[in-house]
Amino acid sequence: MFFLTPILAGIILAGTLGAGSYVTEQARDVVSKYNLSQISHVLEIYYTEDGKYPKNLDEVVKKGEAKNINVSEFKYSASGDGQSVAVLGAKSYCWRSEDRKILEATSTALCQP
């Protein structure tokens, strides 16, 4: 019985560490989706006011609509006429103006306007 105690403690510790890693990963997913959601809202406001999407995310920052959002974390693509855009965020989450949904994108090619 004495020899089983350290083994059981090791198993419990390993399981706890694994669960903590999983929770941390889930938290990162939630934050990634939230940040992308905030960018999408800012882009919709910009489109409503200007009738087209910006050429780049820096325009949204200059206009003051992207407060507290680090736009450098996102890859932004706009169509030539400014009528459609796509934003690729962390963890391969994509928002496209055509779909207006946050979806997983397995590649950058899938996240195009």
N, C-alpha and C. Protein backbone atom coordinates (compact mmCIF):
# COMPACT_ATOMS: atom_id res chain seq x y z
N MET A 1 0.82 -1.20 0.00
CA MET A 1 0.00 0.00 0.00
C MET A 1 0.86 1.26 0.00
N PHE A 2 1.97 1.22 0.74
CA PHE A 2 2.87 2.36 0.83
C PHE A 2 3.44 2.72 -0.54
N PHE A 3 3.69 1.72 -1.40
CA PHE A 3 4.28 1.96 -2.71
C PHE A 3 3.26 2.50 -3.70
N LEU A 4 2.00 2.24 -3.49
CA LEU A 4 0.96 2.72 -4.40
C LEU A 4 0.65 4.20 -4.22
N THR A 5 0.85 4.74 -3.06
CA THR A 5 0.52 6.13 -2.78
C THR A 5 1.29 7.10 -3.68
N PRO A 6 2.62 6.98 -3.80
CA PRO A 6 3.32 7.90 -4.72
C PRO A 6 2.91 7.71 -6.17
N ILE A 7 2.60 6.49 -6.56
CA ILE A 7 2.18 6.23 -7.94
C ILE A 7 0.83 6.89 -8.20
N LEU A 8 -0.10 6.72 -7.28
CA LEU A 8 -1.42 7.35 -7.44
C LEU A 8 -1.29 8.88 -7.44
N ALA A 9 -0.44 9.40 -6.58
CA ALA A 9 -0.24 10.85 -6.55
C ALA A 9 0.32 11.35 -7.89
N GLY A 10 1.24 10.60 -8.47
CA GLY A 10 1.80 10.96 -9.77
C GLY A 10 0.75 10.93 -10.87
N ILE A 11 -0.11 9.94 -10.84
CA ILE A 11 -1.17 9.84 -11.85
C ILE A 11 -2.14 11.01 -11.71
N ILE A 12 -2.52 11.31 -10.48
CA ILE A 12 -3.45 12.42 -10.25
C ILE A 12 -2.81 13.74 -10.69
N LEU A 13 -1.53 13.95 -10.36
CA LEU A 13 -0.84 15.17 -10.75
C LEU A 13 -0.77 15.29 -12.27
N ALA A 14 -0.44 14.21 -12.95
CA ALA A 14 -0.35 14.24 -14.41
C ALA A 14 -1.71 14.55 -15.03
N GLY A 15 -2.76 13.98 -14.48
CA GLY A 15 -4.11 14.26 -14.98
C GLY A 15 -4.51 15.70 -14.76
N THR A 16 -4.14 16.25 -13.63
CA THR A 16 -4.45 17.65 -13.32
C THR A 16 -3.71 18.59 -14.26
N LEU A 17 -2.45 18.32 -14.50
CA LEU A 17 -1.68 19.17 -15.41
C LEU A 17 -2.24 19.11 -16.83
N GLY A 18 -2.65 17.94 -17.26
CA GLY A 18 -3.25 17.79 -18.59
C GLY A 18 -4.56 18.55 -18.71
N ALA A 19 -5.36 18.51 -17.66
CA ALA A 19 -6.64 19.23 -17.66
C ALA A 19 -6.40 20.73 -17.69
N GLY A 20 -5.37 21.20 -16.97
CA GLY A 20 -5.05 22.63 -16.97
C GLY A 20 -4.64 23.11 -18.34
N SER A 21 -3.88 22.31 -19.05
CA SER A 21 -3.45 22.65 -20.40
C SER A 21 -4.66 22.72 -21.33
N TYR A 22 -5.58 21.80 -21.19
CA TYR A 22 -6.79 21.77 -22.01
C TYR A 22 -7.63 23.03 -21.76
N VAL A 23 -7.77 23.40 -20.49
CA VAL A 23 -8.56 24.58 -20.13
C VAL A 23 -7.90 25.84 -20.70
N THR A 24 -6.57 25.91 -20.61
CA THR A 24 -5.85 27.06 -21.16
C THR A 24 -6.07 27.15 -22.67
N GLU A 25 -6.03 26.03 -23.36
CA GLU A 25 -6.25 26.01 -24.81
C GLU A 25 -7.67 26.46 -25.15
N GLN A 26 -8.64 26.01 -24.38
CA GLN A 26 -10.03 26.42 -24.60
C GLN A 26 -10.19 27.92 -24.37
N ALA A 27 -9.52 28.44 -23.37
CA ALA A 27 -9.59 29.88 -23.09
C ALA A 27 -9.01 30.68 -24.25
N ARG A 28 -7.91 30.21 -24.82
CA ARG A 28 -7.31 30.90 -25.97
C ARG A 28 -8.28 30.90 -27.16
N ASP A 29 -8.98 29.80 -27.36
CA ASP A 29 -9.98 29.74 -28.44
C ASP A 29 -11.07 30.78 -28.23
N VAL A 30 -11.55 30.89 -27.02
CA VAL A 30 -12.62 31.83 -26.71
C VAL A 30 -12.14 33.27 -26.96
N VAL A 31 -10.93 33.57 -26.51
CA VAL A 31 -10.38 34.92 -26.70
C VAL A 31 -10.18 35.21 -28.18
N SER A 32 -9.69 34.24 -28.94
CA SER A 32 -9.48 34.42 -30.38
C SER A 32 -10.80 34.73 -31.09
N LYS A 33 -11.82 33.97 -30.77
CA LYS A 33 -13.13 34.20 -31.40
C LYS A 33 -13.71 35.55 -30.98
N TYR A 34 -13.53 35.90 -29.71
CA TYR A 34 -14.05 37.18 -29.24
C TYR A 34 -13.37 38.35 -29.95
N ASN A 35 -12.05 38.30 -30.05
CA ASN A 35 -11.32 39.38 -30.73
C ASN A 35 -11.74 39.49 -32.19
N LEU A 36 -11.91 38.37 -32.85
CA LEU A 36 -12.35 38.39 -34.24
C LEU A 36 -13.77 38.94 -34.35
N SER A 37 -14.59 38.62 -33.38
CA SER A 37 -15.95 39.16 -33.35
C SER A 37 -15.93 40.68 -33.21
N GLN A 38 -15.04 41.19 -32.37
CA GLN A 38 -14.92 42.64 -32.18
C GLN A 38 -14.46 43.32 -33.48
N ILE A 39 -13.51 42.72 -34.17
CA ILE A 39 -13.04 43.26 -35.45
C ILE A 39 -14.19 43.26 -36.45
N SER A 40 -14.97 42.20 -36.49
CA SER A 40 -16.09 42.14 -37.45
C SER A 40 -17.11 43.24 -37.17
N HIS A 41 -17.39 43.51 -35.91
CA HIS A 41 -18.33 44.58 -35.57
C HIS A 41 -17.80 45.94 -36.00
N VAL A 42 -16.52 46.18 -35.77
CA VAL A 42 -15.89 47.43 -36.16
C VAL A 42 -15.96 47.60 -37.69
N LEU A 43 -15.71 46.51 -38.41
CA LEU A 43 -15.76 46.57 -39.87
C LEU A 43 -17.18 46.85 -40.37
N GLU A 44 -18.17 46.29 -39.72
CA GLU A 44 -19.56 46.54 -40.12
C GLU A 44 -19.93 48.00 -39.88
N ILE A 45 -19.46 48.57 -38.79
CA ILE A 45 -19.70 50.00 -38.52
C ILE A 45 -19.05 50.84 -39.60
N TYR A 46 -17.81 50.53 -39.92
CA TYR A 46 -17.08 51.25 -40.96
C TYR A 46 -17.85 51.18 -42.28
N TYR A 47 -18.31 49.98 -42.64
CA TYR A 47 -19.05 49.80 -43.90
C TYR A 47 -20.35 50.61 -43.90
N THR A 48 -21.05 50.60 -42.79
CA THR A 48 -22.31 51.34 -42.69
C THR A 48 -22.08 52.84 -42.88
N GLU A 49 -21.01 53.35 -42.29
CA GLU A 49 -20.72 54.79 -42.38
C GLU A 49 -20.12 55.20 -43.71
N ASP A 50 -19.29 54.35 -44.32
CA ASP A 50 -18.55 54.74 -45.52
C ASP A 50 -19.03 54.08 -46.82
N GLY A 51 -19.89 53.07 -46.72
CA GLY A 51 -20.40 52.41 -47.91
C GLY A 51 -19.43 51.41 -48.53
N LYS A 52 -18.32 51.20 -47.88
CA LYS A 52 -17.34 50.21 -48.33
C LYS A 52 -16.46 49.84 -47.14
N TYR A 53 -15.77 48.73 -47.27
CA TYR A 53 -14.85 48.30 -46.21
C TYR A 53 -13.50 49.00 -46.42
N PRO A 54 -12.72 49.14 -45.35
CA PRO A 54 -11.42 49.81 -45.49
C PRO A 54 -10.44 48.95 -46.30
N LYS A 55 -9.43 49.62 -46.84
CA LYS A 55 -8.39 48.90 -47.58
C LYS A 55 -7.51 48.07 -46.66
N ASN A 56 -7.36 48.55 -45.42
CA ASN A 56 -6.59 47.82 -44.42
C ASN A 56 -7.13 48.16 -43.03
N LEU A 57 -6.72 47.39 -42.04
CA LEU A 57 -7.24 47.60 -40.69
C LEU A 57 -6.70 48.88 -40.05
N ASP A 58 -5.60 49.40 -40.55
CA ASP A 58 -5.06 50.65 -40.00
C ASP A 58 -6.04 51.80 -40.18
N GLU A 59 -6.83 51.77 -41.24
CA GLU A 59 -7.83 52.82 -41.47
C GLU A 59 -8.87 52.84 -40.35
N VAL A 60 -9.22 51.67 -39.85
CA VAL A 60 -10.20 51.57 -38.77
C VAL A 60 -9.60 52.12 -37.48
N VAL A 61 -8.33 51.85 -37.27
CA VAL A 61 -7.64 52.36 -36.08
C VAL A 61 -7.57 53.88 -36.14
N LYS A 62 -7.20 54.44 -37.31
CA LYS A 62 -7.10 55.89 -37.47
C LYS A 62 -8.44 56.57 -37.21
N LYS A 63 -9.51 55.90 -37.60
CA LYS A 63 -10.85 56.46 -37.43
C LYS A 63 -11.31 56.38 -35.97
N GLY A 64 -10.58 55.63 -35.16
CA GLY A 64 -10.89 55.53 -33.74
C GLY A 64 -11.91 54.47 -33.38
N GLU A 65 -12.22 53.60 -34.32
CA GLU A 65 -13.24 52.59 -34.06
C GLU A 65 -12.67 51.29 -33.49
N ALA A 66 -11.37 51.14 -33.51
CA ALA A 66 -10.76 49.89 -33.03
C ALA A 66 -9.99 50.12 -31.74
N LYS A 67 -10.65 50.67 -30.78
CA LYS A 67 -10.00 50.93 -29.49
C LYS A 67 -9.75 49.60 -28.78
N ASN A 68 -8.58 49.49 -28.19
CA ASN A 68 -8.21 48.32 -27.40
C ASN A 68 -8.18 47.02 -28.19
N ILE A 69 -8.06 47.09 -29.50
CA ILE A 69 -7.94 45.89 -30.32
C ILE A 69 -6.59 45.93 -31.01
N ASN A 70 -5.80 44.89 -30.84
CA ASN A 70 -4.50 44.81 -31.48
C ASN A 70 -4.71 44.25 -32.89
N VAL A 71 -4.87 45.12 -33.86
CA VAL A 71 -5.17 44.68 -35.23
C VAL A 71 -4.00 43.99 -35.90
N SER A 72 -2.81 44.13 -35.35
CA SER A 72 -1.64 43.48 -35.96
C SER A 72 -1.71 41.95 -35.84
N GLU A 73 -2.60 41.44 -35.01
CA GLU A 73 -2.77 39.99 -34.85
C GLU A 73 -3.62 39.37 -35.95
N PHE A 74 -4.15 40.18 -36.84
CA PHE A 74 -5.09 39.69 -37.85
C PHE A 74 -4.53 39.85 -39.25
N LYS A 75 -4.90 38.92 -40.13
CA LYS A 75 -4.57 39.04 -41.55
C LYS A 75 -5.85 39.49 -42.25
N TYR A 76 -5.74 40.59 -42.97
CA TYR A 76 -6.90 41.24 -43.56
C TYR A 76 -6.79 41.22 -45.08
N SER A 77 -7.88 40.86 -45.73
CA SER A 77 -7.93 40.88 -47.20
C SER A 77 -9.20 41.60 -47.63
N ALA A 78 -9.07 42.53 -48.56
CA ALA A 78 -10.23 43.27 -49.06
C ALA A 78 -10.30 43.13 -50.58
N SER A 79 -11.51 43.11 -51.10
CA SER A 79 -11.68 43.10 -52.55
C SER A 79 -11.32 44.47 -53.08
N GLY A 80 -11.02 44.56 -54.36
CA GLY A 80 -10.60 45.82 -54.97
C GLY A 80 -11.63 46.93 -54.84
N ASP A 81 -12.92 46.58 -54.88
CA ASP A 81 -13.96 47.59 -54.81
C ASP A 81 -14.40 47.90 -53.38
N GLY A 82 -13.83 47.19 -52.40
CA GLY A 82 -14.16 47.44 -51.00
C GLY A 82 -15.51 46.92 -50.56
N GLN A 83 -16.11 46.06 -51.37
CA GLN A 83 -17.44 45.55 -51.04
C GLN A 83 -17.42 44.24 -50.26
N SER A 84 -16.26 43.62 -50.17
CA SER A 84 -16.16 42.39 -49.37
C SER A 84 -14.76 42.28 -48.77
N VAL A 85 -14.72 41.68 -47.59
CA VAL A 85 -13.45 41.51 -46.88
C VAL A 85 -13.43 40.16 -46.18
N ALA A 86 -12.23 39.77 -45.78
CA ALA A 86 -12.05 38.57 -44.96
C ALA A 86 -10.97 38.88 -43.93
N VAL A 87 -11.15 38.36 -42.73
CA VAL A 87 -10.19 38.57 -41.66
C VAL A 87 -9.85 37.21 -41.07
N LEU A 88 -8.56 36.91 -41.05
CA LEU A 88 -8.08 35.67 -40.47
C LEU A 88 -7.46 36.01 -39.12
N GLY A 89 -7.99 35.38 -38.09
CA GLY A 89 -7.49 35.62 -36.74
C GLY A 89 -6.65 34.45 -36.27
N ALA A 90 -6.28 34.52 -35.02
CA ALA A 90 -5.49 33.44 -34.41
C ALA A 90 -6.29 32.15 -34.40
N LYS A 91 -5.57 31.05 -34.32
CA LYS A 91 -6.17 29.73 -34.25
C LYS A 91 -6.95 29.39 -35.53
N SER A 92 -6.65 30.07 -36.62
CA SER A 92 -7.28 29.81 -37.92
C SER A 92 -8.79 30.05 -37.92
N TYR A 93 -9.23 31.07 -37.21
CA TYR A 93 -10.63 31.46 -37.29
C TYR A 93 -10.76 32.57 -38.32
N CYS A 94 -11.80 32.49 -39.12
CA CYS A 94 -11.99 33.42 -40.22
C CYS A 94 -13.37 34.06 -40.14
N TRP A 95 -13.42 35.35 -40.45
CA TRP A 95 -14.69 36.06 -40.63
C TRP A 95 -14.69 36.64 -42.02
N ARG A 96 -15.76 36.38 -42.77
CA ARG A 96 -15.90 36.93 -44.12
C ARG A 96 -17.17 37.76 -44.17
N SER A 97 -17.11 38.90 -44.86
CA SER A 97 -18.27 39.78 -44.93
C SER A 97 -19.44 39.12 -45.65
N GLU A 98 -19.17 38.19 -46.56
CA GLU A 98 -20.26 37.51 -47.27
C GLU A 98 -21.05 36.60 -46.33
N ASP A 99 -20.34 35.90 -45.43
CA ASP A 99 -21.00 34.94 -44.54
C ASP A 99 -21.45 35.59 -43.23
N ARG A 100 -20.66 36.58 -42.78
CA ARG A 100 -20.87 37.25 -41.49
C ARG A 100 -20.92 36.25 -40.33
N LYS A 101 -20.08 35.23 -40.44
CA LYS A 101 -19.95 34.23 -39.38
C LYS A 101 -18.47 33.99 -39.14
N ILE A 102 -18.16 33.59 -37.92
CA ILE A 102 -16.80 33.19 -37.60
C ILE A 102 -16.72 31.68 -37.77
N LEU A 103 -15.87 31.27 -38.69
CA LEU A 103 -15.72 29.85 -38.99
C LEU A 103 -14.25 29.46 -38.90
N GLU A 104 -14.00 28.18 -38.74
CA GLU A 104 -12.63 27.71 -38.76
C GLU A 104 -12.17 27.61 -40.20
N ALA A 105 -10.97 28.05 -40.45
CA ALA A 105 -10.38 27.98 -41.79
C ALA A 105 -9.10 27.16 -41.69
N THR A 106 -9.03 26.08 -42.40
CA THR A 106 -7.85 25.22 -42.32
C THR A 106 -6.67 25.79 -43.10
N SER A 107 -6.93 26.80 -43.93
CA SER A 107 -5.83 27.44 -44.65
C SER A 107 -6.20 28.89 -44.95
N THR A 108 -5.18 29.70 -45.24
CA THR A 108 -5.40 31.11 -45.57
C THR A 108 -6.23 31.22 -46.84
N ALA A 109 -6.08 30.27 -47.76
CA ALA A 109 -6.83 30.30 -49.01
C ALA A 109 -8.34 30.24 -48.79
N LEU A 110 -8.76 29.63 -47.70
CA LEU A 110 -10.19 29.52 -47.40
C LEU A 110 -10.75 30.79 -46.77
N CYS A 111 -9.88 31.71 -46.43
CA CYS A 111 -10.31 32.95 -45.80
C CYS A 111 -10.02 34.12 -46.73
N GLN A 112 -10.73 34.18 -47.83
CA GLN A 112 -10.58 35.23 -48.83
C GLN A 112 -11.94 35.89 -49.08
N PRO A 113 -11.92 37.18 -49.43
CA PRO A 113 -13.20 37.85 -49.72
C PRO A 113 -13.83 37.33 -50.99
